[in-house]
């Protein structure tokens, strides 16, 4: 999982399985990322990681209930 906002993050976006550009990133980075998330002024990294962990917990729980 990778997050970025600038040109220096471009290679990271291409190599990561799950790549997130923040909303206020440069356009080239948004184009390379798998997902666009909140801006970095909205705690994008923290909130996205919490959401991803929540989804993982939900998937694990439903798998255990079957």
Protein backbone atom coordinates (compact mmCIF):
# COMPACT_ATOMS: atom_id res chain seq x y z
CA UNK A 1 0.00 0.00 0.00
CA UNK A 2 1.48 3.32 -1.07
CA UNK A 3 0.39 6.94 -0.82
CA UNK A 4 1.70 9.94 -2.70
CA UNK A 5 1.15 13.48 -3.83
CA UNK A 6 4.13 14.54 -5.93
CA UNK A 7 6.37 13.58 -8.81
CA UNK A 8 8.82 11.88 -6.46
CA UNK A 9 6.10 9.29 -5.67
CA UNK A 10 5.43 8.29 -9.28
CA UNK A 11 7.56 5.12 -9.33
CA UNK A 12 6.02 4.08 -6.02
CA UNK A 13 2.51 4.35 -7.51
CA UNK A 14 3.48 2.16 -10.45
CA UNK A 15 5.07 -0.55 -8.31
CA UNK A 16 2.57 -0.77 -5.44
CA UNK A 17 -0.29 -3.23 -5.54
CA UNK A 18 -2.59 -0.69 -3.87
CA UNK A 19 -1.60 2.88 -4.72
CA UNK A 20 -3.43 5.94 -3.49
CA UNK A 21 -2.95 9.48 -4.69
CA UNK A 22 -4.27 12.19 -2.41
CA UNK A 23 -6.89 14.46 -3.93
CA UNK A 24 -4.50 17.41 -4.14
CA UNK A 25 -1.74 15.40 -5.86
CA UNK A 26 -0.28 16.35 -9.23
CA UNK A 27 -2.36 15.02 -12.13
CA UNK A 28 0.31 12.60 -13.37
CA UNK A 29 0.31 10.88 -9.99
CA UNK A 30 -3.47 10.62 -9.91
CA UNK A 31 -3.35 9.04 -13.36
CA UNK A 32 -0.80 6.43 -12.19
CA UNK A 33 -2.53 5.55 -8.90
CA UNK A 34 -5.17 2.85 -8.48
CA UNK A 35 -7.26 5.07 -6.20
CA UNK A 36 -7.68 8.72 -5.32
CA UNK A 37 -8.38 9.48 -1.68
CA UNK A 38 -8.94 12.57 0.45
CA UNK A 39 -6.47 15.45 0.43
CA UNK A 40 -3.46 15.33 2.70
CA UNK A 41 -5.07 18.17 4.69
CA UNK A 42 -7.91 15.78 5.58
CA UNK A 43 -5.65 13.08 7.11
CA UNK A 44 -5.96 11.01 3.95
CA UNK A 45 -3.36 8.39 4.82
CA UNK A 46 -4.67 7.67 8.31
CA UNK A 47 -8.32 7.59 7.27
CA UNK A 48 -7.66 5.38 4.24
CA UNK A 49 -5.65 2.88 6.29
CA UNK A 50 -8.43 2.74 8.90
CA UNK A 51 -10.98 2.12 6.13
CA UNK A 52 -8.85 -0.62 4.59
CA UNK A 53 -8.39 -2.35 7.95
CA UNK A 54 -12.11 -2.09 8.58
CA UNK A 55 -12.86 -3.76 5.24
CA UNK A 56 -10.36 -6.49 6.03
CA UNK A 57 -12.00 -7.13 9.41
CA UNK A 58 -15.45 -7.26 7.81
CA UNK A 59 -14.25 -9.76 5.20
CA UNK A 60 -12.59 -11.96 7.82
CA UNK A 61 -15.69 -11.88 10.00
CA UNK A 62 -18.03 -12.86 7.19
CA UNK A 63 -15.70 -15.69 6.23
CA UNK A 64 -15.79 -17.04 9.80
CA UNK A 65 -19.59 -16.93 9.92
CA UNK A 66 -20.05 -19.19 6.92
